[in-house]
């Protein structure tokens, strides 16, 4: 499955790691020691988020494309 959700990646000074968040999927976030690792990790979490939502009968939002968070 190709993920088309916007991902925001930033450095967390407090945690000393990169954080990747998916604003359209509440609570969907991951971290990594590198930018690329954070992105890879959040792709796994997005898939798990969607699978869990479907199993629970919850609505999975359609990707909206570029958001205005940044």
PDB file of N, CA and C in Angstrom:
ATOM      1  N   UNK A   1       0.848  -1.189   0.000  1.00  0.00           N
ATOM      2  CA  UNK A   1       0.000   0.000   0.000  1.00  0.00           C
ATOM      3  C   UNK A   1       0.885   1.241   0.000  1.00  0.00           C
ATOM      4  N   UNK A   2       0.588   2.167  -0.878  1.00  0.00           N
ATOM      5  CA  UNK A   2       1.327   3.423  -0.939  1.00  0.00           C
ATOM      6  C   UNK A   2       0.677   4.413   0.020  1.00  0.00           C
ATOM      7  N   UNK A   3       1.472   4.946   0.919  1.00  0.00           N
ATOM      8  CA  UNK A   3       0.973   5.911   1.889  1.00  0.00           C
ATOM      9  C   UNK A   3       1.083   7.309   1.300  1.00  0.00           C
ATOM     10  N   UNK A   4      -0.029   8.014   1.266  1.00  0.00           N
ATOM     11  CA  UNK A   4      -0.042   9.361   0.704  1.00  0.00           C
ATOM     12  C   UNK A   4      -0.347  10.415   1.754  1.00  0.00           C
ATOM     13  N   UNK A   5      -0.152  10.061   3.010  1.00  0.00           N
ATOM     14  CA  UNK A   5      -0.388  11.008   4.086  1.00  0.00           C
ATOM     15  C   UNK A   5       0.831  11.900   4.278  1.00  0.00           C
ATOM     16  N   UNK A   6       0.570  13.133   4.656  1.00  0.00           N
ATOM     17  CA  UNK A   6       1.659  14.047   4.948  1.00  0.00           C
ATOM     18  C   UNK A   6       2.384  13.597   6.212  1.00  0.00           C
ATOM     19  N   UNK A   7       3.708  13.617   6.161  1.00  0.00           N
ATOM     20  CA  UNK A   7       4.542  13.262   7.305  1.00  0.00           C
ATOM     21  C   UNK A   7       5.387  14.476   7.648  1.00  0.00           C
ATOM     22  N   UNK A   8       5.385  14.843   8.910  1.00  0.00           N
ATOM     23  CA  UNK A   8       6.203  15.946   9.390  1.00  0.00           C
ATOM     24  C   UNK A   8       7.336  15.340  10.217  1.00  0.00           C
ATOM     25  N   UNK A   9       8.576  15.650   9.830  1.00  0.00           N
ATOM     26  CA  UNK A   9       9.738  15.119  10.534  1.00  0.00           C
ATOM     27  C   UNK A   9      10.535  16.288  11.102  1.00  0.00           C
ATOM     28  N   UNK A  10      10.899  16.164  12.371  1.00  0.00           N
ATOM     29  CA  UNK A  10      11.674  17.222  13.015  1.00  0.00           C
ATOM     30  C   UNK A  10      12.612  16.624  14.055  1.00  0.00           C
ATOM     31  N   UNK A  11      13.631  17.373  14.410  1.00  0.00           N
ATOM     32  CA  UNK A  11      14.588  16.963  15.428  1.00  0.00           C
ATOM     33  C   UNK A  11      14.063  17.356  16.797  1.00  0.00           C
ATOM     34  N   UNK A  12      14.065  16.400  17.723  1.00  0.00           N
ATOM     35  CA  UNK A  12      13.671  16.671  19.097  1.00  0.00           C
ATOM     36  C   UNK A  12      14.922  16.796  19.945  1.00  0.00           C
ATOM     37  N   UNK A  13      15.234  17.993  20.348  1.00  0.00           N
ATOM     38  CA  UNK A  13      16.410  18.221  21.193  1.00  0.00           C
ATOM     39  C   UNK A  13      16.248  17.491  22.522  1.00  0.00           C
ATOM     40  N   UNK A  14      15.038  17.518  23.053  1.00  0.00           N
ATOM     41  CA  UNK A  14      14.761  16.874  24.340  1.00  0.00           C
ATOM     42  C   UNK A  14      15.015  15.370  24.286  1.00  0.00           C
ATOM     43  N   UNK A  15      14.572  14.726  23.210  1.00  0.00           N
ATOM     44  CA  UNK A  15      14.709  13.272  23.078  1.00  0.00           C
ATOM     45  C   UNK A  15      15.978  12.859  22.336  1.00  0.00           C
ATOM     46  N   UNK A  16      16.660  13.828  21.718  1.00  0.00           N
ATOM     47  CA  UNK A  16      17.863  13.553  20.926  1.00  0.00           C
ATOM     48  C   UNK A  16      17.590  12.524  19.823  1.00  0.00           C
ATOM     49  N   UNK A  17      16.485  12.737  19.103  1.00  0.00           N
ATOM     50  CA  UNK A  17      16.084  11.843  18.025  1.00  0.00           C
ATOM     51  C   UNK A  17      15.201  12.601  17.045  1.00  0.00           C
ATOM     52  N   UNK A  18      15.052  12.047  15.847  1.00  0.00           N
ATOM     53  CA  UNK A  18      14.110  12.606  14.885  1.00  0.00           C
ATOM     54  C   UNK A  18      12.734  12.049  15.178  1.00  0.00           C
ATOM     55  N   UNK A  19      11.721  12.884  15.092  1.00  0.00           N
ATOM     56  CA  UNK A  19      10.332  12.491  15.310  1.00  0.00           C
ATOM     57  C   UNK A  19       9.594  12.643  13.992  1.00  0.00           C
ATOM     58  N   UNK A  20       8.814  11.637  13.625  1.00  0.00           N
ATOM     59  CA  UNK A  20       7.977  11.690  12.418  1.00  0.00           C
ATOM     60  C   UNK A  20       6.530  11.565  12.857  1.00  0.00           C
ATOM     61  N   UNK A  21       5.711  12.539  12.496  1.00  0.00           N
ATOM     62  CA  UNK A  21       4.292  12.551  12.868  1.00  0.00           C
ATOM     63  C   UNK A  21       3.423  12.586  11.618  1.00  0.00           C
ATOM     64  N   UNK A  22       2.245  11.968  11.727  1.00  0.00           N
ATOM     65  CA  UNK A  22       1.272  11.966  10.635  1.00  0.00           C
ATOM     66  C   UNK A  22       0.016  12.665  11.171  1.00  0.00           C
ATOM     67  N   UNK A  23      -0.120  13.967  10.897  1.00  0.00           N
ATOM     68  CA  UNK A  23      -1.214  14.747  11.482  1.00  0.00           C
ATOM     69  C   UNK A  23      -2.616  14.207  11.184  1.00  0.00           C
ATOM     70  N   UNK A  24      -2.799  13.582  10.023  1.00  0.00           N
ATOM     71  CA  UNK A  24      -4.132  13.104   9.647  1.00  0.00           C
ATOM     72  C   UNK A  24      -4.530  11.812  10.360  1.00  0.00           C
ATOM     73  N   UNK A  25      -3.563  11.143  10.989  1.00  0.00           N
ATOM     74  CA  UNK A  25      -3.837   9.912  11.726  1.00  0.00           C
ATOM     75  C   UNK A  25      -3.487  10.173  13.190  1.00  0.00           C
ATOM     76  N   UNK A  26      -4.458  10.555  13.998  1.00  0.00           N
ATOM     77  CA  UNK A  26      -4.199  10.958  15.382  1.00  0.00           C
ATOM     78  C   UNK A  26      -3.372   9.930  16.160  1.00  0.00           C
ATOM     79  N   UNK A  27      -2.309  10.433  16.774  1.00  0.00           N
ATOM     80  CA  UNK A  27      -1.450   9.581  17.583  1.00  0.00           C
ATOM     81  C   UNK A  27      -0.434   8.785  16.791  1.00  0.00           C
ATOM     82  N   UNK A  28      -0.420   8.943  15.487  1.00  0.00           N
ATOM     83  CA  UNK A  28       0.496   8.181  14.632  1.00  0.00           C
ATOM     84  C   UNK A  28       1.826   8.914  14.551  1.00  0.00           C
ATOM     85  N   UNK A  29       2.844   8.340  15.199  1.00  0.00           N
ATOM     86  CA  UNK A  29       4.167   8.959  15.221  1.00  0.00           C
ATOM     87  C   UNK A  29       5.213   7.882  15.478  1.00  0.00           C
ATOM     88  N   UNK A  30       6.432   8.179  15.091  1.00  0.00           N
ATOM     89  CA  UNK A  30       7.557   7.280  15.327  1.00  0.00           C
ATOM     90  C   UNK A  30       8.812   8.122  15.441  1.00  0.00           C
ATOM     91  N   UNK A  31       9.880   7.482  15.876  1.00  0.00           N
ATOM     92  CA  UNK A  31      11.144   8.203  15.964  1.00  0.00           C
ATOM     93  C   UNK A  31      12.252   7.382  15.329  1.00  0.00           C
ATOM     94  N   UNK A  32      13.423   7.985  15.242  1.00  0.00           N
ATOM     95  CA  UNK A  32      14.581   7.301  14.691  1.00  0.00           C
ATOM     96  C   UNK A  32      15.836   8.110  14.920  1.00  0.00           C
ATOM     97  N   UNK A  33      16.964   7.427  14.916  1.00  0.00           N
ATOM     98  CA  UNK A  33      18.240   8.107  15.116  1.00  0.00           C
ATOM     99  C   UNK A  33      18.603   8.997  13.934  1.00  0.00           C
ATOM    100  N   UNK A  34      18.079   8.661  12.740  1.00  0.00           N
ATOM    101  CA  UNK A  34      18.308   9.478  11.552  1.00  0.00           C
ATOM    102  C   UNK A  34      16.962   9.863  10.952  1.00  0.00           C
ATOM    103  N   UNK A  35      17.001  10.841  10.067  1.00  0.00           N
ATOM    104  CA  UNK A  35      15.805  11.280   9.351  1.00  0.00           C
ATOM    105  C   UNK A  35      15.187  10.093   8.611  1.00  0.00           C
ATOM    106  N   UNK A  36      16.035   9.330   7.912  1.00  0.00           N
ATOM    107  CA  UNK A  36      15.561   8.201   7.111  1.00  0.00           C
ATOM    108  C   UNK A  36      14.959   7.103   7.991  1.00  0.00           C
ATOM    109  N   UNK A  37      15.578   6.861   9.133  1.00  0.00           N
ATOM    110  CA  UNK A  37      15.058   5.846  10.047  1.00  0.00           C
ATOM    111  C   UNK A  37      13.700   6.255  10.599  1.00  0.00           C
ATOM    112  N   UNK A  38      13.538   7.513  10.940  1.00  0.00           N
ATOM    113  CA  UNK A  38      12.251   8.000  11.437  1.00  0.00           C
ATOM    114  C   UNK A  38      11.173   7.820  10.372  1.00  0.00           C
ATOM    115  N   UNK A  39      11.510   8.116   9.106  1.00  0.00           N
ATOM    116  CA  UNK A  39      10.554   7.954   8.018  1.00  0.00           C
ATOM    117  C   UNK A  39      10.196   6.481   7.822  1.00  0.00           C
ATOM    118  N   UNK A  40      11.174   5.610   7.821  1.00  0.00           N
ATOM    119  CA  UNK A  40      10.908   4.175   7.680  1.00  0.00           C
ATOM    120  C   UNK A  40      10.035   3.665   8.815  1.00  0.00           C
ATOM    121  N   UNK A  41      10.336   4.099  10.030  1.00  0.00           N
ATOM    122  CA  UNK A  41       9.564   3.644  11.192  1.00  0.00           C
ATOM    123  C   UNK A  41       8.123   4.135  11.134  1.00  0.00           C
ATOM    124  N   UNK A  42       7.918   5.377  10.719  1.00  0.00           N
ATOM    125  CA  UNK A  42       6.550   5.896  10.685  1.00  0.00           C
ATOM    126  C   UNK A  42       5.741   5.238   9.568  1.00  0.00           C
ATOM    127  N   UNK A  43       6.388   4.795   8.507  1.00  0.00           N
ATOM    128  CA  UNK A  43       5.660   4.073   7.459  1.00  0.00           C
ATOM    129  C   UNK A  43       5.086   2.771   8.006  1.00  0.00           C
ATOM    130  N   UNK A  44       5.843   2.080   8.852  1.00  0.00           N
ATOM    131  CA  UNK A  44       5.348   0.853   9.498  1.00  0.00           C
ATOM    132  C   UNK A  44       4.187   1.182  10.433  1.00  0.00           C
ATOM    133  N   UNK A  45       4.339   2.236  11.213  1.00  0.00           N
ATOM    134  CA  UNK A  45       3.300   2.631  12.164  1.00  0.00           C
ATOM    135  C   UNK A  45       2.030   3.074  11.443  1.00  0.00           C
ATOM    136  N   UNK A  46       2.155   3.765  10.313  1.00  0.00           N
ATOM    137  CA  UNK A  46       0.967   4.161   9.536  1.00  0.00           C
ATOM    138  C   UNK A  46       0.179   2.928   9.113  1.00  0.00           C
ATOM    139  N   UNK A  47       0.882   1.913   8.603  1.00  0.00           N
ATOM    140  CA  UNK A  47       0.217   0.688   8.165  1.00  0.00           C
ATOM    141  C   UNK A  47      -0.488   0.025   9.343  1.00  0.00           C
ATOM    142  N   UNK A  48       0.180  -0.045  10.483  1.00  0.00           N
ATOM    143  CA  UNK A  48      -0.425  -0.644  11.674  1.00  0.00           C
ATOM    144  C   UNK A  48      -1.616   0.173  12.157  1.00  0.00           C
ATOM    145  N   UNK A  49      -1.503   1.505  12.088  1.00  0.00           N
ATOM    146  CA  UNK A  49      -2.602   2.386  12.507  1.00  0.00           C
ATOM    147  C   UNK A  49      -3.839   2.096  11.666  1.00  0.00           C
ATOM    148  N   UNK A  50      -3.636   2.029  10.353  1.00  0.00           N
ATOM    149  CA  UNK A  50      -4.751   1.790   9.426  1.00  0.00           C
ATOM    150  C   UNK A  50      -5.356   0.406   9.649  1.00  0.00           C
ATOM    151  N   UNK A  51      -4.517  -0.616   9.781  1.00  0.00           N
ATOM    152  CA  UNK A  51      -5.019  -1.974  10.014  1.00  0.00           C
ATOM    153  C   UNK A  51      -5.819  -2.061  11.309  1.00  0.00           C
ATOM    154  N   UNK A  52      -5.326  -1.432  12.358  1.00  0.00           N
ATOM    155  CA  UNK A  52      -6.025  -1.449  13.650  1.00  0.00           C
ATOM    156  C   UNK A  52      -7.366  -0.724  13.543  1.00  0.00           C
ATOM    157  N   UNK A  53      -7.372   0.434  12.898  1.00  0.00           N
ATOM    158  CA  UNK A  53      -8.624   1.184  12.733  1.00  0.00           C
ATOM    159  C   UNK A  53      -9.650   0.349  11.970  1.00  0.00           C
ATOM    160  N   UNK A  54      -9.214  -0.329  10.920  1.00  0.00           N
ATOM    161  CA  UNK A  54     -10.129  -1.160  10.142  1.00  0.00           C
ATOM    162  C   UNK A  54     -10.659  -2.323  10.967  1.00  0.00           C
ATOM    163  N   UNK A  55      -9.792  -2.963  11.751  1.00  0.00           N
ATOM    164  CA  UNK A  55     -10.214  -4.068  12.608  1.00  0.00           C
ATOM    165  C   UNK A  55     -11.248  -3.626  13.634  1.00  0.00           C
ATOM    166  N   UNK A  56     -11.127  -2.393  14.108  1.00  0.00           N
ATOM    167  CA  UNK A  56     -12.050  -1.862  15.112  1.00  0.00           C
ATOM    168  C   UNK A  56     -13.283  -1.214  14.495  1.00  0.00           C
ATOM    169  N   UNK A  57     -13.352  -1.215  13.161  1.00  0.00           N
ATOM    170  CA  UNK A  57     -14.492  -0.623  12.473  1.00  0.00           C
ATOM    171  C   UNK A  57     -14.494   0.895  12.482  1.00  0.00           C
ATOM    172  N   UNK A  58     -13.341   1.487  12.672  1.00  0.00           N
ATOM    173  CA  UNK A  58     -13.240   2.947  12.692  1.00  0.00           C
ATOM    174  C   UNK A  58     -12.952   3.478  11.294  1.00  0.00           C
ATOM    175  N   UNK A  59     -13.267   4.733  11.100  1.00  0.00           N
ATOM    176  CA  UNK A  59     -13.043   5.382   9.807  1.00  0.00           C
ATOM    177  C   UNK A  59     -11.564   5.682   9.635  1.00  0.00           C
ATOM    178  N   UNK A  60     -11.052   5.356   8.465  1.00  0.00           N
ATOM    179  CA  UNK A  60      -9.679   5.707   8.100  1.00  0.00           C
ATOM    180  C   UNK A  60      -9.773   6.921   7.178  1.00  0.00           C
ATOM    181  N   UNK A  61      -9.260   8.062   7.624  1.00  0.00           N
ATOM    182  CA  UNK A  61      -9.366   9.271   6.803  1.00  0.00           C
ATOM    183  C   UNK A  61      -8.629   9.140   5.476  1.00  0.00           C
ATOM    184  N   UNK A  62      -9.208   9.717   4.448  1.00  0.00           N
ATOM    185  CA  UNK A  62      -8.555   9.768   3.149  1.00  0.00           C
ATOM    186  C   UNK A  62      -7.442  10.812   3.210  1.00  0.00           C
ATOM    187  N   UNK A  63      -6.296  10.528   2.593  1.00  0.00           N
ATOM    188  CA  UNK A  63      -5.217  11.523   2.585  1.00  0.00           C
ATOM    189  C   UNK A  63      -5.670  12.818   1.914  1.00  0.00           C
ATOM    190  N   UNK A  64      -5.342  13.924   2.517  1.00  0.00           N
ATOM    191  CA  UNK A  64      -5.730  15.228   1.974  1.00  0.00           C
ATOM    192  C   UNK A  64      -4.612  15.873   1.171  1.00  0.00           C
ATOM    193  N   UNK A  65      -3.432  15.259   1.220  1.00  0.00           N
ATOM    194  CA  UNK A  65      -2.302  15.883   0.540  1.00  0.00           C
ATOM    195  C   UNK A  65      -1.637  16.889   1.445  1.00  0.00           C
ATOM    196  N   UNK A  66      -1.070  17.893   0.859  1.00  0.00           N
ATOM    197  CA  UNK A  66      -0.323  18.882   1.641  1.00  0.00           C
ATOM    198  C   UNK A  66      -1.235  19.662   2.567  1.00  0.00           C
ATOM    199  N   UNK A  67      -0.863  19.643   3.832  1.00  0.00           N
ATOM    200  CA  UNK A  67      -1.598  20.387   4.849  1.00  0.00           C
ATOM    201  C   UNK A  67      -0.835  21.661   5.177  1.00  0.00           C
ATOM    202  N   UNK A  68      -1.405  22.475   5.989  1.00  0.00           N
ATOM    203  CA  UNK A  68      -0.780  23.762   6.325  1.00  0.00           C
ATOM    204  C   UNK A  68      -0.254  23.803   7.749  1.00  0.00           C
ATOM    205  N   UNK A  69       0.337  22.691   8.201  1.00  0.00           N
ATOM    206  CA  UNK A  69       0.847  22.641   9.565  1.00  0.00           C
ATOM    207  C   UNK A  69       2.205  23.306   9.685  1.00  0.00           C
ATOM    208  N   UNK A  70       3.037  23.164   8.673  1.00  0.00           N
ATOM    209  CA  UNK A  70       4.415  23.671   8.768  1.00  0.00           C
ATOM    210  C   UNK A  70       4.485  25.132   8.372  1.00  0.00           C
TER     211      UNK A  70
END
